[in-house]
Every structure is written in structure tokens, then in C-alpha cells.
Amino acid sequence: RQIRNESRSPETKVRAPLGAEQTLETALNLRAFDLWVHEQDLRATLGQPGNLDSPGALITRDMLLAGLPKVVAKKAGAPANSAVVFDVHGPVEFLRTVRVDAEGRGSVDGAPSLGPAVTLSLDWETYVRLACGRVRHTAVADRIKVEGDQELATAILDNFAVTP
């Protein structure tokens, strides 16, 4: 209802938790993200999987993808001029490459990489649970296919949670 009745532009600054400012678009995306992730927590607890391909799932995908450069380049310490590919399948599918430039900064793009340092292939639900810190990679190792540099892959998976 709020979106239907909203007259402010998405770029309008609004108060965020703890008094900071953010755009209305960011605030609404964060609420959709939080709701969808907590819905999945409840579904997992109740043994009622579902809604994995909803609009909230797509917002969640985009927000989690935004955290990958920091995970790969900074936290896991991927070498300069390297690439890491994430191949996610299931209700929400995507293939994204995190490229680390010569200065060690990471960025995400949709183009596949020839000869990546690491390729991680996993299903959407496992990706979400890892990225949201709901499970450690050692508990779902049978659902993750790793190709390439095993040490770097482990460092990425050890630091995969991007939610606060």
C-alpha cells in the first residue's frame, strides 16, 4: 500500500535506522530483502520451502551480489587481475564474475571469465543461506562444486556472509 500511495521520488532522502540517511529506494529494497530472508528462515524451520523465485528473491539476489566484490577482493584476498565465477542454479539462476583489478578492487559483471581462479557452482537456496550467514560452507559442502584454486575458494566461502 505504501508503494501504491507513495508520491516521493525513489531518490528522496529518508531517515534510516540509527539516524543515518538513505534513499527511499534503498530503504524499500532493504525492507523487501529483510522480509524475504526472514520468510526463508521461517520456511526452513517449518520445513515448508517455497517462494524462492518471488520478486523479493530478485531484490535479495541483487543486494547479495553487491557484496561479492568485498568478499572476493578484500576479505578472501583474491590476487590482482584474477576472476572468480559464481554459477548459481535453481529458481533464481545467474552466472556472475567478480573481477579483481590491478589495484585489488573487485567488481561484478555478467560476462563469463576464461580461466577463472575459482568457479563456485551451487543452488540458489544454498547461496542465500551462505550469503546471509545462516549456514557455514562446511555444513553444505555436498551442495557446492568448487573448481580451481582450493585455498582461495575456501577463503571466499569462509567470508561469504555479507549480511550484518
N, C-alpha and C. Protein backbone atom coordinates (compact mmCIF):
# COMPACT_ATOMS: atom_id res chain seq x y z
N ARG A 1 0.82 -1.19 0.00
CA ARG A 1 0.00 0.00 0.00
C ARG A 1 0.86 1.26 0.00
N GLN A 2 1.97 1.23 0.75
CA GLN A 2 2.82 2.42 0.80
C GLN A 2 3.36 2.75 -0.59
N ILE A 3 3.80 1.73 -1.33
CA ILE A 3 4.35 1.98 -2.66
C ILE A 3 3.27 2.55 -3.57
N ARG A 4 2.07 1.99 -3.50
CA ARG A 4 0.97 2.47 -4.34
C ARG A 4 0.65 3.94 -4.06
N ASN A 5 0.69 4.33 -2.80
CA ASN A 5 0.33 5.69 -2.41
C ASN A 5 1.52 6.65 -2.34
N GLU A 6 2.70 6.16 -2.58
CA GLU A 6 3.91 6.96 -2.43
C GLU A 6 4.00 8.01 -3.53
N SER A 7 4.26 9.26 -3.13
CA SER A 7 4.38 10.34 -4.12
C SER A 7 5.81 10.87 -4.21
N ARG A 8 6.68 10.44 -3.30
CA ARG A 8 8.07 10.90 -3.34
C ARG A 8 8.85 10.11 -4.39
N SER A 9 9.90 10.71 -4.92
CA SER A 9 10.73 10.02 -5.90
C SER A 9 11.62 9.01 -5.19
N PRO A 10 12.10 7.98 -5.90
CA PRO A 10 12.98 6.98 -5.28
C PRO A 10 14.26 7.58 -4.72
N GLU A 11 14.68 8.74 -5.24
CA GLU A 11 15.93 9.36 -4.79
C GLU A 11 15.76 10.22 -3.54
N THR A 12 14.53 10.40 -3.09
CA THR A 12 14.27 11.20 -1.89
C THR A 12 15.01 10.61 -0.70
N LYS A 13 15.66 11.47 0.06
CA LYS A 13 16.37 11.01 1.26
C LYS A 13 15.37 10.81 2.40
N VAL A 14 15.50 9.68 3.08
CA VAL A 14 14.66 9.36 4.23
C VAL A 14 15.56 8.92 5.38
N ARG A 15 15.02 8.96 6.57
CA ARG A 15 15.79 8.56 7.75
C ARG A 15 15.92 7.04 7.79
N ALA A 16 17.14 6.59 7.99
CA ALA A 16 17.42 5.16 8.12
C ALA A 16 17.53 4.82 9.60
N PRO A 17 17.56 3.54 9.93
CA PRO A 17 17.79 3.17 11.33
C PRO A 17 19.07 3.83 11.85
N LEU A 18 19.08 4.17 13.10
CA LEU A 18 20.20 4.81 13.79
C LEU A 18 20.45 6.23 13.32
N GLY A 19 19.46 6.84 12.61
CA GLY A 19 19.54 8.25 12.28
C GLY A 19 20.24 8.62 10.99
N ALA A 20 20.85 7.68 10.31
CA ALA A 20 21.52 7.99 9.04
C ALA A 20 20.46 8.29 7.98
N GLU A 21 20.92 8.75 6.82
CA GLU A 21 20.00 8.98 5.70
C GLU A 21 20.30 8.01 4.58
N GLN A 22 19.25 7.64 3.87
CA GLN A 22 19.37 6.78 2.69
C GLN A 22 18.25 7.15 1.75
N THR A 23 18.35 6.69 0.51
CA THR A 23 17.28 6.98 -0.43
C THR A 23 16.06 6.13 -0.10
N LEU A 24 14.91 6.62 -0.51
CA LEU A 24 13.68 5.87 -0.33
C LEU A 24 13.79 4.51 -1.01
N GLU A 25 14.38 4.49 -2.21
CA GLU A 25 14.55 3.22 -2.93
C GLU A 25 15.38 2.23 -2.12
N THR A 26 16.48 2.68 -1.54
CA THR A 26 17.31 1.81 -0.71
C THR A 26 16.53 1.31 0.50
N ALA A 27 15.79 2.20 1.14
CA ALA A 27 15.02 1.81 2.32
C ALA A 27 14.00 0.73 1.98
N LEU A 28 13.28 0.91 0.88
CA LEU A 28 12.27 -0.08 0.50
C LEU A 28 12.91 -1.40 0.07
N ASN A 29 14.03 -1.32 -0.65
CA ASN A 29 14.73 -2.55 -1.03
C ASN A 29 15.24 -3.31 0.19
N LEU A 30 15.76 -2.58 1.17
CA LEU A 30 16.23 -3.23 2.40
C LEU A 30 15.09 -3.91 3.14
N ARG A 31 13.92 -3.28 3.18
CA ARG A 31 12.77 -3.91 3.85
C ARG A 31 12.35 -5.17 3.11
N ALA A 32 12.29 -5.11 1.78
CA ALA A 32 11.93 -6.30 1.00
C ALA A 32 12.95 -7.41 1.21
N PHE A 33 14.22 -7.05 1.22
CA PHE A 33 15.30 -8.01 1.47
C PHE A 33 15.12 -8.67 2.83
N ASP A 34 14.96 -7.86 3.87
CA ASP A 34 14.80 -8.39 5.24
C ASP A 34 13.60 -9.32 5.33
N LEU A 35 12.48 -8.89 4.79
CA LEU A 35 11.27 -9.71 4.86
C LEU A 35 11.45 -11.04 4.15
N TRP A 36 12.03 -11.00 2.96
CA TRP A 36 12.18 -12.24 2.20
C TRP A 36 13.14 -13.20 2.90
N VAL A 37 14.26 -12.69 3.40
CA VAL A 37 15.23 -13.55 4.08
C VAL A 37 14.62 -14.16 5.33
N HIS A 38 13.90 -13.36 6.10
CA HIS A 38 13.28 -13.91 7.32
C HIS A 38 12.14 -14.87 6.99
N GLU A 39 11.46 -14.63 5.89
CA GLU A 39 10.46 -15.61 5.43
C GLU A 39 11.14 -16.94 5.15
N GLN A 40 12.30 -16.90 4.50
CA GLN A 40 13.02 -18.14 4.21
C GLN A 40 13.50 -18.82 5.49
N ASP A 41 13.90 -18.02 6.49
CA ASP A 41 14.27 -18.60 7.79
C ASP A 41 13.09 -19.37 8.39
N LEU A 42 11.92 -18.76 8.37
CA LEU A 42 10.73 -19.42 8.90
C LEU A 42 10.38 -20.66 8.11
N ARG A 43 10.44 -20.56 6.79
CA ARG A 43 10.12 -21.72 5.95
C ARG A 43 11.08 -22.88 6.23
N ALA A 44 12.36 -22.57 6.41
CA ALA A 44 13.35 -23.62 6.71
C ALA A 44 13.03 -24.28 8.05
N THR A 45 12.70 -23.49 9.05
CA THR A 45 12.37 -24.02 10.37
C THR A 45 11.13 -24.89 10.33
N LEU A 46 10.15 -24.48 9.54
CA LEU A 46 8.89 -25.21 9.46
C LEU A 46 8.91 -26.34 8.43
N GLY A 47 10.01 -26.46 7.69
CA GLY A 47 10.08 -27.49 6.65
C GLY A 47 9.12 -27.23 5.51
N GLN A 48 8.88 -25.96 5.21
CA GLN A 48 7.95 -25.57 4.15
C GLN A 48 8.65 -24.69 3.12
N PRO A 49 9.56 -25.26 2.31
CA PRO A 49 10.27 -24.42 1.33
C PRO A 49 9.29 -23.81 0.33
N GLY A 50 9.69 -22.67 -0.22
CA GLY A 50 8.85 -22.04 -1.23
C GLY A 50 9.16 -20.57 -1.40
N ASN A 51 8.51 -19.98 -2.39
CA ASN A 51 8.65 -18.55 -2.69
C ASN A 51 10.09 -18.17 -3.03
N LEU A 52 10.84 -19.13 -3.55
CA LEU A 52 12.26 -18.89 -3.84
C LEU A 52 12.48 -18.08 -5.12
N ASP A 53 11.42 -17.86 -5.90
CA ASP A 53 11.57 -17.12 -7.15
C ASP A 53 10.69 -15.87 -7.20
N SER A 54 10.34 -15.36 -6.06
CA SER A 54 9.45 -14.20 -5.96
C SER A 54 10.19 -12.90 -6.26
N PRO A 55 9.46 -11.79 -6.39
CA PRO A 55 10.14 -10.50 -6.56
C PRO A 55 11.11 -10.20 -5.41
N GLY A 56 10.76 -10.60 -4.20
CA GLY A 56 11.66 -10.41 -3.06
C GLY A 56 12.96 -11.18 -3.24
N ALA A 57 12.88 -12.34 -3.87
CA ALA A 57 14.09 -13.13 -4.14
C ALA A 57 15.01 -12.40 -5.11
N LEU A 58 14.43 -11.73 -6.09
CA LEU A 58 15.24 -10.99 -7.07
C LEU A 58 15.91 -9.77 -6.44
N ILE A 59 15.20 -9.09 -5.55
CA ILE A 59 15.81 -7.98 -4.81
C ILE A 59 16.95 -8.51 -3.95
N THR A 60 16.72 -9.64 -3.30
CA THR A 60 17.74 -10.26 -2.46
C THR A 60 18.96 -10.63 -3.29
N ARG A 61 18.74 -11.21 -4.46
CA ARG A 61 19.86 -11.56 -5.34
C ARG A 61 20.73 -10.34 -5.61
N ASP A 62 20.09 -9.25 -6.01
CA ASP A 62 20.85 -8.05 -6.36
C ASP A 62 21.61 -7.49 -5.16
N MET A 63 21.00 -7.52 -4.00
CA MET A 63 21.68 -6.99 -2.81
C MET A 63 22.85 -7.88 -2.41
N LEU A 64 22.68 -9.19 -2.50
CA LEU A 64 23.77 -10.09 -2.14
C LEU A 64 24.91 -10.02 -3.16
N LEU A 65 24.57 -9.87 -4.43
CA LEU A 65 25.62 -9.74 -5.45
C LEU A 65 26.48 -8.50 -5.21
N ALA A 66 25.87 -7.45 -4.72
CA ALA A 66 26.62 -6.21 -4.46
C ALA A 66 27.72 -6.41 -3.42
N GLY A 67 27.58 -7.40 -2.56
CA GLY A 67 28.58 -7.66 -1.54
C GLY A 67 29.73 -8.55 -1.98
N LEU A 68 29.60 -9.19 -3.14
CA LEU A 68 30.63 -10.14 -3.57
C LEU A 68 32.01 -9.53 -3.82
N PRO A 69 32.13 -8.33 -4.41
CA PRO A 69 33.48 -7.79 -4.63
C PRO A 69 34.28 -7.67 -3.34
N LYS A 70 33.63 -7.23 -2.27
CA LYS A 70 34.33 -7.10 -0.99
C LYS A 70 34.74 -8.47 -0.46
N VAL A 71 33.87 -9.46 -0.60
CA VAL A 71 34.18 -10.82 -0.14
C VAL A 71 35.39 -11.36 -0.88
N VAL A 72 35.37 -11.27 -2.20
CA VAL A 72 36.42 -11.88 -3.03
C VAL A 72 37.72 -11.10 -2.95
N ALA A 73 37.66 -9.79 -3.19
CA ALA A 73 38.89 -8.99 -3.29
C ALA A 73 39.50 -8.66 -1.94
N LYS A 74 38.68 -8.23 -1.00
CA LYS A 74 39.21 -7.76 0.27
C LYS A 74 39.32 -8.87 1.31
N LYS A 75 38.19 -9.49 1.63
CA LYS A 75 38.19 -10.47 2.72
C LYS A 75 38.94 -11.75 2.37
N ALA A 76 38.72 -12.27 1.16
CA ALA A 76 39.39 -13.52 0.77
C ALA A 76 40.77 -13.27 0.18
N GLY A 77 41.05 -12.03 -0.21
CA GLY A 77 42.37 -11.69 -0.73
C GLY A 77 42.70 -12.29 -2.08
N ALA A 78 41.72 -12.32 -2.98
CA ALA A 78 41.98 -12.82 -4.34
C ALA A 78 43.08 -11.98 -4.97
N PRO A 79 43.98 -12.61 -5.71
CA PRO A 79 45.09 -11.86 -6.31
C PRO A 79 44.62 -10.85 -7.36
N ALA A 80 45.43 -9.82 -7.55
CA ALA A 80 45.15 -8.82 -8.57
C ALA A 80 45.05 -9.49 -9.93
N ASN A 81 44.21 -8.93 -10.78
CA ASN A 81 44.00 -9.42 -12.15
C ASN A 81 43.47 -10.85 -12.20
N SER A 82 42.68 -11.22 -11.22
CA SER A 82 42.08 -12.55 -11.21
C SER A 82 40.57 -12.43 -11.32
N ALA A 83 39.92 -13.57 -11.50
CA ALA A 83 38.46 -13.59 -11.61
C ALA A 83 37.93 -14.81 -10.87
N VAL A 84 36.75 -14.64 -10.29
CA VAL A 84 36.04 -15.72 -9.61
C VAL A 84 34.63 -15.76 -10.18
N VAL A 85 34.20 -16.94 -10.60
CA VAL A 85 32.89 -17.11 -11.21
C VAL A 85 31.93 -17.76 -10.22
N PHE A 86 30.72 -17.21 -10.15
CA PHE A 86 29.64 -17.78 -9.34
C PHE A 86 28.56 -18.25 -10.30
N ASP A 87 28.31 -19.55 -10.29
CA ASP A 87 27.32 -20.17 -11.17
C ASP A 87 26.21 -20.71 -10.27
N VAL A 88 25.10 -19.98 -10.23
CA VAL A 88 24.00 -20.34 -9.33
C VAL A 88 22.82 -20.83 -10.16
N HIS A 89 22.27 -21.97 -9.76
CA HIS A 89 21.15 -22.56 -10.48
C HIS A 89 19.97 -22.76 -9.53
N GLY A 90 18.82 -23.00 -10.11
CA GLY A 90 17.61 -23.20 -9.32
C GLY A 90 16.56 -22.18 -9.68
N PRO A 91 15.65 -21.87 -8.74
CA PRO A 91 14.57 -20.93 -9.03
C PRO A 91 15.06 -19.56 -9.48
N VAL A 92 16.18 -19.11 -8.94
CA VAL A 92 16.83 -17.88 -9.39
C VAL A 92 18.21 -18.31 -9.90
N GLU A 93 18.44 -18.12 -11.19
CA GLU A 93 19.70 -18.54 -11.80
C GLU A 93 20.49 -17.32 -12.24
N PHE A 94 21.81 -17.42 -12.08
CA PHE A 94 22.68 -16.38 -12.61
C PHE A 94 24.10 -16.89 -12.70
N LEU A 95 24.85 -16.26 -13.58
CA LEU A 95 26.28 -16.50 -13.74
C LEU A 95 26.94 -15.13 -13.65
N ARG A 96 27.72 -14.92 -12.61
CA ARG A 96 28.39 -13.63 -12.42
C ARG A 96 29.87 -13.87 -12.17
N THR A 97 30.66 -12.92 -12.61
CA THR A 97 32.10 -12.96 -12.41
C THR A 97 32.51 -11.78 -11.56
N VAL A 98 33.30 -12.06 -10.53
CA VAL A 98 33.92 -10.99 -9.75
C VAL A 98 35.33 -10.86 -10.28
N ARG A 99 35.63 -9.70 -10.84
CA ARG A 99 36.97 -9.43 -11.38
C ARG A 99 37.73 -8.54 -10.40
N VAL A 100 38.96 -8.92 -10.13
CA VAL A 100 39.82 -8.13 -9.25
C VAL A 100 40.83 -7.43 -10.15
N ASP A 101 40.84 -6.09 -10.10
CA ASP A 101 41.72 -5.33 -10.98
C ASP A 101 43.15 -5.27 -10.43
N ALA A 102 44.01 -4.56 -11.14
CA ALA A 102 45.43 -4.49 -10.78
C ALA A 102 45.65 -3.84 -9.41
N GLU A 103 44.70 -3.00 -8.98
CA GLU A 103 44.82 -2.35 -7.67
C GLU A 103 44.16 -3.16 -6.56
N GLY A 104 43.61 -4.33 -6.91
CA GLY A 104 42.99 -5.18 -5.90
C GLY A 104 41.54 -4.88 -5.62
N ARG A 105 40.90 -4.05 -6.46
CA ARG A 105 39.49 -3.73 -6.27
C ARG A 105 38.64 -4.72 -7.08
N GLY A 106 37.54 -5.14 -6.48
CA GLY A 106 36.66 -6.09 -7.14
C GLY A 106 35.45 -5.42 -7.76
N SER A 107 34.92 -6.04 -8.80
CA SER A 107 33.68 -5.59 -9.43
C SER A 107 32.96 -6.82 -9.98
N VAL A 108 31.65 -6.70 -10.10
CA VAL A 108 30.83 -7.81 -10.60
C VAL A 108 30.38 -7.51 -12.02
N ASP A 109 30.46 -8.51 -12.89
CA ASP A 109 29.84 -8.37 -14.21
C ASP A 109 29.25 -9.70 -14.64
N GLY A 110 28.42 -9.63 -15.66
CA GLY A 110 27.70 -10.81 -16.12
C GLY A 110 28.42 -11.62 -17.17
N ALA A 111 29.60 -11.17 -17.59
CA ALA A 111 30.35 -11.89 -18.63
C ALA A 111 31.15 -13.02 -17.99
N PRO A 112 31.11 -14.20 -18.59
CA PRO A 112 31.92 -15.29 -18.04
C PRO A 112 33.41 -15.00 -18.23
N SER A 113 34.21 -15.62 -17.40
CA SER A 113 35.66 -15.43 -17.47
C SER A 113 36.30 -16.68 -18.03
N LEU A 114 37.26 -16.49 -18.92
CA LEU A 114 38.04 -17.62 -19.41
C LEU A 114 39.18 -17.86 -18.42
N GLY A 115 39.24 -19.03 -17.87
CA GLY A 115 40.30 -19.37 -16.93
C GLY A 115 40.22 -18.65 -15.60
N PRO A 116 39.05 -18.68 -14.93
CA PRO A 116 38.96 -18.02 -13.63
C PRO A 116 39.81 -18.74 -12.59
N ALA A 117 40.22 -18.01 -11.57
CA ALA A 117 40.98 -18.62 -10.47
C ALA A 117 40.11 -19.64 -9.75
N VAL A 118 38.82 -19.34 -9.60
CA VAL A 118 37.87 -20.22 -8.91
C VAL A 118 36.52 -20.13 -9.60
N THR A 119 35.84 -21.25 -9.68
CA THR A 119 34.43 -21.28 -10.06
C THR A 119 33.68 -21.98 -8.95
N LEU A 120 32.65 -21.31 -8.44
CA LEU A 120 31.79 -21.89 -7.42
C LEU A 120 30.42 -22.11 -8.03
N SER A 121 29.97 -23.36 -8.03
CA SER A 121 28.64 -23.70 -8.55
C SER A 121 27.79 -24.22 -7.40
N LEU A 122 26.62 -23.64 -7.25
CA LEU A 122 25.74 -24.05 -6.16
C LEU A 122 24.30 -23.65 -6.47
N ASP A 123 23.37 -24.21 -5.72
CA ASP A 123 21.97 -23.88 -5.94
C ASP A 123 21.62 -22.58 -5.22
N TRP A 124 20.52 -21.96 -5.65
CA TRP A 124 20.09 -20.67 -5.14
C TRP A 124 19.86 -20.68 -3.63
N GLU A 125 19.19 -21.70 -3.12
CA GLU A 125 18.90 -21.74 -1.68
C GLU A 125 20.18 -21.81 -0.86
N THR A 126 21.15 -22.60 -1.31
CA THR A 126 22.43 -22.69 -0.60
C THR A 126 23.17 -21.36 -0.67
N TYR A 127 23.16 -20.73 -1.84
CA TYR A 127 23.80 -19.42 -2.00
C TYR A 127 23.24 -18.42 -0.99
N VAL A 128 21.92 -18.36 -0.89
CA VAL A 128 21.26 -17.43 0.04
C VAL A 128 21.64 -17.76 1.47
N ARG A 129 21.57 -19.01 1.84
CA ARG A 129 21.87 -19.40 3.23
C ARG A 129 23.32 -19.06 3.59
N LEU A 130 24.24 -19.26 2.65
CA LEU A 130 25.64 -18.91 2.90
C LEU A 130 25.83 -17.39 2.98
N ALA A 131 25.28 -16.68 2.01
CA ALA A 131 25.48 -15.23 1.94
C ALA A 131 24.81 -14.50 3.09
N CYS A 132 23.75 -15.08 3.64
CA CYS A 132 23.06 -14.46 4.77
C CYS A 132 23.57 -14.97 6.11
N GLY A 133 24.59 -15.81 6.09
CA GLY A 133 25.19 -16.28 7.33
C GLY A 133 24.35 -17.29 8.08
N ARG A 134 23.45 -17.98 7.39
CA ARG A 134 22.59 -18.95 8.05
C ARG A 134 23.24 -20.32 8.19
N VAL A 135 24.31 -20.55 7.44
CA VAL A 135 24.98 -21.85 7.46
C VAL A 135 26.44 -21.66 7.07
N ARG A 136 27.31 -22.50 7.57
CA ARG A 136 28.73 -22.48 7.19
C ARG A 136 28.90 -23.40 5.98
N HIS A 137 29.88 -23.09 5.16
CA HIS A 137 30.09 -23.88 3.94
C HIS A 137 30.43 -25.33 4.24
N THR A 138 31.04 -25.59 5.37
CA THR A 138 31.38 -26.98 5.72
C THR A 138 30.14 -27.83 5.94
N ALA A 139 29.03 -27.20 6.33
CA ALA A 139 27.79 -27.93 6.57
C ALA A 139 27.04 -28.25 5.28
N VAL A 140 27.37 -27.55 4.20
CA VAL A 140 26.68 -27.76 2.92
C VAL A 140 27.68 -28.06 1.80
N ALA A 141 28.82 -28.60 2.17
CA ALA A 141 29.89 -28.85 1.19
C ALA A 141 29.42 -29.74 0.04
N ASP A 142 28.48 -30.64 0.31
CA ASP A 142 27.97 -31.53 -0.72
C ASP A 142 27.10 -30.80 -1.75
N ARG A 143 26.75 -29.56 -1.48
CA ARG A 143 25.92 -28.77 -2.39
C ARG A 143 26.71 -27.71 -3.14
N ILE A 144 28.02 -27.69 -2.93
CA ILE A 144 28.89 -26.69 -3.57
C ILE A 144 29.94 -27.40 -4.40
N LYS A 145 30.02 -27.04 -5.68
CA LYS A 145 31.07 -27.58 -6.55
C LYS A 145 32.14 -26.51 -6.70
N VAL A 146 33.37 -26.87 -6.37
CA VAL A 146 34.49 -25.94 -6.44
C VAL A 146 35.45 -26.39 -7.52
N GLU A 147 35.81 -25.46 -8.41
CA GLU A 147 36.83 -25.72 -9.41
C GLU A 147 37.90 -24.64 -9.30
N GLY A 148 39.15 -25.04 -9.43
CA GLY A 148 40.24 -24.06 -9.39
C GLY A 148 40.98 -24.08 -8.08
N ASP A 149 41.47 -22.92 -7.69
CA ASP A 149 42.30 -22.73 -6.51
C ASP A 149 41.50 -23.04 -5.23
N GLN A 150 41.78 -24.19 -4.63
CA GLN A 150 41.03 -24.63 -3.45
C GLN A 150 41.23 -23.71 -2.25
N GLU A 151 42.44 -23.21 -2.08
CA GLU A 151 42.73 -22.32 -0.95
C GLU A 151 41.94 -21.02 -1.07
N LEU A 152 41.91 -20.44 -2.26
CA LEU A 152 41.15 -19.21 -2.48
C LEU A 152 39.65 -19.49 -2.32
N ALA A 153 39.18 -20.61 -2.84
CA ALA A 153 37.77 -20.97 -2.71
C ALA A 153 37.38 -21.07 -1.24
N THR A 154 38.22 -21.69 -0.44
CA THR A 154 37.94 -21.82 0.99
C THR A 154 37.91 -20.45 1.66
N ALA A 155 38.84 -19.57 1.28
CA ALA A 155 38.86 -18.21 1.85
C ALA A 155 37.59 -17.45 1.48
N ILE A 156 37.12 -17.62 0.26
CA ILE A 156 35.87 -16.96 -0.17
C ILE A 156 34.70 -17.50 0.64
N LEU A 157 34.60 -18.82 0.72
CA LEU A 157 33.49 -19.43 1.45
C LEU A 157 33.53 -19.13 2.94
N ASP A 158 34.73 -19.01 3.51
CA ASP A 158 34.87 -18.65 4.93
C ASP A 158 34.34 -17.24 5.21
N ASN A 159 34.36 -16.39 4.19
CA ASN A 159 33.97 -14.98 4.34
C ASN A 159 32.71 -14.62 3.56
N PHE A 160 31.93 -15.62 3.20
CA PHE A 160 30.83 -15.44 2.27
C PHE A 160 29.65 -14.64 2.82
N ALA A 161 29.43 -14.67 4.11
CA ALA A 161 28.28 -13.97 4.69
C ALA A 161 28.45 -12.46 4.52
N VAL A 162 27.47 -11.83 3.89
CA VAL A 162 27.54 -10.39 3.63
C VAL A 162 26.49 -9.60 4.41
N THR A 163 25.62 -10.29 5.12
CA THR A 163 24.62 -9.58 5.91
C THR A 163 25.20 -9.23 7.28
N PRO A 164 24.75 -8.11 7.85
CA PRO A 164 25.28 -7.72 9.17
C PRO A 164 24.77 -8.63 10.28
